[in-house]
Amino acid sequence: MQVVGDVERLRDAGLRVTAARVAIMHTVREGDHLDVEAIHRGVRDRVGQVSLQAIYDGLHALHRAGLLHKIEPMGSPARYEARVGDNHHHLVCRRCGTVTDVDCATGEAPCLDPVDAAGFLVEEADVIYWGTCPDCRSPSG
């Protein structure tokens, strides 16, 4: 059962297990690059009344612990996803804002080697590809 897995992941990360945190993880996992408002609605549907501040606090803790990934496309609210640790990237539609996962450009992390790493040890590449999704390109879109 997934809830048991979420509880174990929270404990393994050294986080207190709360109904809100478990519901956040469940909502994000079932969603598609959700923003905070959508996560808040999903958590309320699962556990009842919960403050928006509790959602922000939970998302911050889960992101900091590496249990959720946060993406911040320019001009869009922050989005969250449960796909972590594989250094994947994102496609974002300029018209509707749809976000889609795309695997690493070279298939191994980090995907991009900078021309000059300036002494940094590169551990992750954050790449966002911008374009127009198929729905927005269709004649009815």
C-alpha atoms as a PDB file:
ATOM      1  CA  MET A   1       0.000   0.000   0.000  1.00  0.00           C
ATOM      2  CA  GLN A   2       1.369   3.400  -0.996  1.00  0.00           C
ATOM      3  CA  VAL A   3       0.487   5.175   2.288  1.00  0.00           C
ATOM      4  CA  VAL A   4       2.730   2.726   4.155  1.00  0.00           C
ATOM      5  CA  GLY A   5       5.527   3.532   1.700  1.00  0.00           C
ATOM      6  CA  ASP A   6       5.019   7.261   2.255  1.00  0.00           C
ATOM      7  CA  VAL A   7       5.145   6.796   6.018  1.00  0.00           C
ATOM      8  CA  GLU A   8       8.384   4.822   5.684  1.00  0.00           C
ATOM      9  CA  ARG A   9       9.911   7.463   3.374  1.00  0.00           C
ATOM     10  CA  LEU A  10       9.033  10.220   5.839  1.00  0.00           C
ATOM     11  CA  ARG A  11      10.565   8.282   8.722  1.00  0.00           C
ATOM     12  CA  ASP A  12      13.667   7.381   6.704  1.00  0.00           C
ATOM     13  CA  ALA A  13      14.125  11.100   5.926  1.00  0.00           C
ATOM     14  CA  GLY A  14      13.899  11.922   9.631  1.00  0.00           C
ATOM     15  CA  LEU A  15      10.607  13.786   9.223  1.00  0.00           C
ATOM     16  CA  ARG A  16       7.648  13.648  11.563  1.00  0.00           C
ATOM     17  CA  VAL A  17       4.796  11.658  10.050  1.00  0.00           C
ATOM     18  CA  THR A  18       1.625  13.749   9.835  1.00  0.00           C
ATOM     19  CA  ALA A  19      -1.620  13.219   7.973  1.00  0.00           C
ATOM     20  CA  ALA A  20      -0.942  16.398   5.994  1.00  0.00           C
ATOM     21  CA  ARG A  21       2.529  15.286   4.874  1.00  0.00           C
ATOM     22  CA  VAL A  22       1.283  11.847   3.837  1.00  0.00           C
ATOM     23  CA  ALA A  23      -1.605  13.498   1.949  1.00  0.00           C
ATOM     24  CA  ILE A  24       0.781  15.939   0.263  1.00  0.00           C
ATOM     25  CA  MET A  25       2.949  13.079  -0.972  1.00  0.00           C
ATOM     26  CA  HIS A  26      -0.088  11.148  -2.187  1.00  0.00           C
ATOM     27  CA  THR A  27      -1.588  14.206  -3.931  1.00  0.00           C
ATOM     28  CA  VAL A  28       1.674  15.125  -5.661  1.00  0.00           C
ATOM     29  CA  ARG A  29       2.311  11.537  -6.756  1.00  0.00           C
ATOM     30  CA  GLU A  30      -1.173  11.253  -8.284  1.00  0.00           C
ATOM     31  CA  GLY A  31      -1.036  14.719  -9.867  1.00  0.00           C
ATOM     32  CA  ASP A  32       0.840  16.093 -12.813  1.00  0.00           C
ATOM     33  CA  HIS A  33       3.314  18.812 -11.810  1.00  0.00           C
ATOM     34  CA  LEU A  34       0.822  20.417  -9.422  1.00  0.00           C
ATOM     35  CA  ASP A  35       1.045  23.945  -8.058  1.00  0.00           C
ATOM     36  CA  VAL A  36       0.479  24.752  -4.370  1.00  0.00           C
ATOM     37  CA  GLU A  37      -3.212  25.613  -4.818  1.00  0.00           C
ATOM     38  CA  ALA A  38      -3.947  22.264  -6.513  1.00  0.00           C
ATOM     39  CA  ILE A  39      -2.005  20.415  -3.823  1.00  0.00           C
ATOM     40  CA  HIS A  40      -3.939  22.284  -1.124  1.00  0.00           C
ATOM     41  CA  ARG A  41      -7.262  21.226  -2.695  1.00  0.00           C
ATOM     42  CA  GLY A  42      -6.115  17.611  -2.981  1.00  0.00           C
ATOM     43  CA  VAL A  43      -4.936  17.474   0.616  1.00  0.00           C
ATOM     44  CA  ARG A  44      -8.200  19.009   1.878  1.00  0.00           C
ATOM     45  CA  ASP A  45     -10.120  16.355  -0.061  1.00  0.00           C
ATOM     46  CA  ARG A  46      -8.070  13.650   1.683  1.00  0.00           C
ATOM     47  CA  VAL A  47      -7.776  14.893   5.273  1.00  0.00           C
ATOM     48  CA  GLY A  48     -10.221  17.753   5.678  1.00  0.00           C
ATOM     49  CA  GLN A  49      -9.350  21.271   6.718  1.00  0.00           C
ATOM     50  CA  VAL A  50      -5.656  22.118   6.511  1.00  0.00           C
ATOM     51  CA  SER A  51      -4.135  25.575   6.286  1.00  0.00           C
ATOM     52  CA  LEU A  52      -2.333  26.807   3.212  1.00  0.00           C
ATOM     53  CA  GLN A  53       0.644  27.577   5.467  1.00  0.00           C
ATOM     54  CA  ALA A  54       0.749  23.912   6.545  1.00  0.00           C
ATOM     55  CA  ILE A  55       0.907  22.952   2.862  1.00  0.00           C
ATOM     56  CA  TYR A  56       3.777  25.378   2.211  1.00  0.00           C
ATOM     57  CA  ASP A  57       5.605  24.124   5.312  1.00  0.00           C
ATOM     58  CA  GLY A  58       5.063  20.488   4.310  1.00  0.00           C
ATOM     59  CA  LEU A  59       6.193  21.057   0.722  1.00  0.00           C
ATOM     60  CA  HIS A  60       9.300  22.864   1.918  1.00  0.00           C
ATOM     61  CA  ALA A  61      10.206  20.021   4.313  1.00  0.00           C
ATOM     62  CA  LEU A  62       9.515  17.302   1.726  1.00  0.00           C
ATOM     63  CA  HIS A  63      11.518  19.120  -0.952  1.00  0.00           C
ATOM     64  CA  ARG A  64      14.425  19.786   1.423  1.00  0.00           C
ATOM     65  CA  ALA A  65      14.429  16.069   2.380  1.00  0.00           C
ATOM     66  CA  GLY A  66      14.556  15.054  -1.292  1.00  0.00           C
ATOM     67  CA  LEU A  67      11.135  13.390  -1.268  1.00  0.00           C
ATOM     68  CA  LEU A  68       9.611  15.867  -3.727  1.00  0.00           C
ATOM     69  CA  HIS A  69      11.081  17.795  -6.635  1.00  0.00           C
ATOM     70  CA  LYS A  70      10.215  21.459  -7.131  1.00  0.00           C
ATOM     71  CA  ILE A  71      10.352  23.088 -10.532  1.00  0.00           C
ATOM     72  CA  GLU A  72       9.920  26.792 -11.139  1.00  0.00           C
ATOM     73  CA  PRO A  73       9.267  27.553 -14.806  1.00  0.00           C
ATOM     74  CA  MET A  74       9.669  31.254 -15.518  1.00  0.00           C
ATOM     75  CA  GLY A  75       6.316  33.054 -15.388  1.00  0.00           C
ATOM     76  CA  SER A  76       4.589  30.113 -13.704  1.00  0.00           C
ATOM     77  CA  PRO A  77       3.970  29.197 -10.064  1.00  0.00           C
ATOM     78  CA  ALA A  78       6.243  26.571  -8.543  1.00  0.00           C
ATOM     79  CA  ARG A  79       5.217  23.015  -9.370  1.00  0.00           C
ATOM     80  CA  TYR A  80       5.916  19.821  -7.472  1.00  0.00           C
ATOM     81  CA  GLU A  81       6.394  16.212  -8.509  1.00  0.00           C
ATOM     82  CA  ALA A  82       7.277  12.935  -6.841  1.00  0.00           C
ATOM     83  CA  ARG A  83       9.798  11.908  -9.507  1.00  0.00           C
ATOM     84  CA  VAL A  84      13.114  12.502  -7.754  1.00  0.00           C
ATOM     85  CA  GLY A  85      16.710  11.401  -8.060  1.00  0.00           C
ATOM     86  CA  ASP A  86      16.902  10.684 -11.780  1.00  0.00           C
ATOM     87  CA  ASN A  87      17.922  14.134 -13.084  1.00  0.00           C
ATOM     88  CA  HIS A  88      15.122  14.282 -15.652  1.00  0.00           C
ATOM     89  CA  HIS A  89      14.044  17.514 -17.335  1.00  0.00           C
ATOM     90  CA  HIS A  90      10.796  19.199 -18.386  1.00  0.00           C
ATOM     91  CA  LEU A  91       8.932  20.400 -21.445  1.00  0.00           C
ATOM     92  CA  VAL A  92       6.704  23.436 -20.798  1.00  0.00           C
ATOM     93  CA  CYS A  93       4.025  24.726 -23.170  1.00  0.00           C
ATOM     94  CA  ARG A  94       4.272  28.502 -23.638  1.00  0.00           C
ATOM     95  CA  ARG A  95       0.517  28.746 -24.288  1.00  0.00           C
ATOM     96  CA  CYS A  96      -1.229  26.621 -21.661  1.00  0.00           C
ATOM     97  CA  GLY A  97       1.587  25.954 -19.175  1.00  0.00           C
ATOM     98  CA  THR A  98       1.388  22.159 -19.392  1.00  0.00           C
ATOM     99  CA  VAL A  99       4.512  20.538 -17.956  1.00  0.00           C
ATOM    100  CA  THR A 100       5.753  17.157 -19.170  1.00  0.00           C
ATOM    101  CA  ASP A 101       8.712  15.081 -18.035  1.00  0.00           C
ATOM    102  CA  VAL A 102      11.460  14.309 -20.495  1.00  0.00           C
ATOM    103  CA  ASP A 103      14.364  11.991 -19.795  1.00  0.00           C
ATOM    104  CA  CYS A 104      17.937  13.210 -19.570  1.00  0.00           C
ATOM    105  CA  ALA A 105      19.417  14.400 -22.851  1.00  0.00           C
ATOM    106  CA  THR A 106      22.290  11.909 -22.721  1.00  0.00           C
ATOM    107  CA  GLY A 107      20.719   9.294 -20.481  1.00  0.00           C
ATOM    108  CA  GLU A 108      23.026   9.707 -17.504  1.00  0.00           C
ATOM    109  CA  ALA A 109      23.374  12.302 -14.767  1.00  0.00           C
ATOM    110  CA  PRO A 110      24.454  15.000 -15.065  1.00  0.00           C
ATOM    111  CA  CYS A 111      23.085  15.417 -18.553  1.00  0.00           C
ATOM    112  CA  LEU A 112      25.058  18.473 -19.491  1.00  0.00           C
ATOM    113  CA  ASP A 113      28.716  19.121 -18.956  1.00  0.00           C
ATOM    114  CA  PRO A 114      29.341  22.865 -18.914  1.00  0.00           C
ATOM    115  CA  VAL A 115      32.110  24.170 -21.122  1.00  0.00           C
ATOM    116  CA  ASP A 116      33.777  25.512 -17.979  1.00  0.00           C
ATOM    117  CA  ALA A 117      32.533  24.218 -14.619  1.00  0.00           C
ATOM    118  CA  ALA A 118      34.561  26.935 -12.825  1.00  0.00           C
ATOM    119  CA  GLY A 119      35.783  24.389 -10.309  1.00  0.00           C
ATOM    120  CA  PHE A 120      32.286  23.173  -9.430  1.00  0.00           C
ATOM    121  CA  LEU A 121      31.472  19.487  -9.095  1.00  0.00           C
ATOM    122  CA  VAL A 122      28.296  19.326 -11.211  1.00  0.00           C
ATOM    123  CA  GLU A 123      25.681  17.068  -9.609  1.00  0.00           C
ATOM    124  CA  GLU A 124      22.489  18.047 -11.395  1.00  0.00           C
ATOM    125  CA  ALA A 125      21.327  19.876 -14.499  1.00  0.00           C
ATOM    126  CA  ASP A 126      18.020  21.744 -14.416  1.00  0.00           C
ATOM    127  CA  VAL A 127      16.833  21.987 -18.002  1.00  0.00           C
ATOM    128  CA  ILE A 128      13.464  23.289 -19.170  1.00  0.00           C
ATOM    129  CA  TYR A 129      12.561  22.990 -22.829  1.00  0.00           C
ATOM    130  CA  TRP A 130       9.970  25.568 -23.947  1.00  0.00           C
ATOM    131  CA  GLY A 131       7.574  25.083 -26.836  1.00  0.00           C
ATOM    132  CA  THR A 132       3.960  24.478 -27.776  1.00  0.00           C
ATOM    133  CA  CYS A 133       2.202  21.261 -26.741  1.00  0.00           C
ATOM    134  CA  PRO A 134       0.269  19.112 -29.226  1.00  0.00           C
ATOM    135  CA  ASP A 135      -3.126  20.272 -27.853  1.00  0.00           C
ATOM    136  CA  CYS A 136      -2.271  23.947 -28.358  1.00  0.00           C
ATOM    137  CA  ARG A 137      -0.892  23.255 -31.849  1.00  0.00           C
ATOM    138  CA  SER A 138      -4.050  21.440 -32.984  1.00  0.00           C
ATOM    139  CA  PRO A 139      -6.608  23.430 -35.042  1.00  0.00           C
ATOM    140  CA  SER A 140      -9.112  23.311 -32.147  1.00  0.00           C
ATOM    141  CA  GLY A 141      -6.494  24.421 -29.570  1.00  0.00           C
END
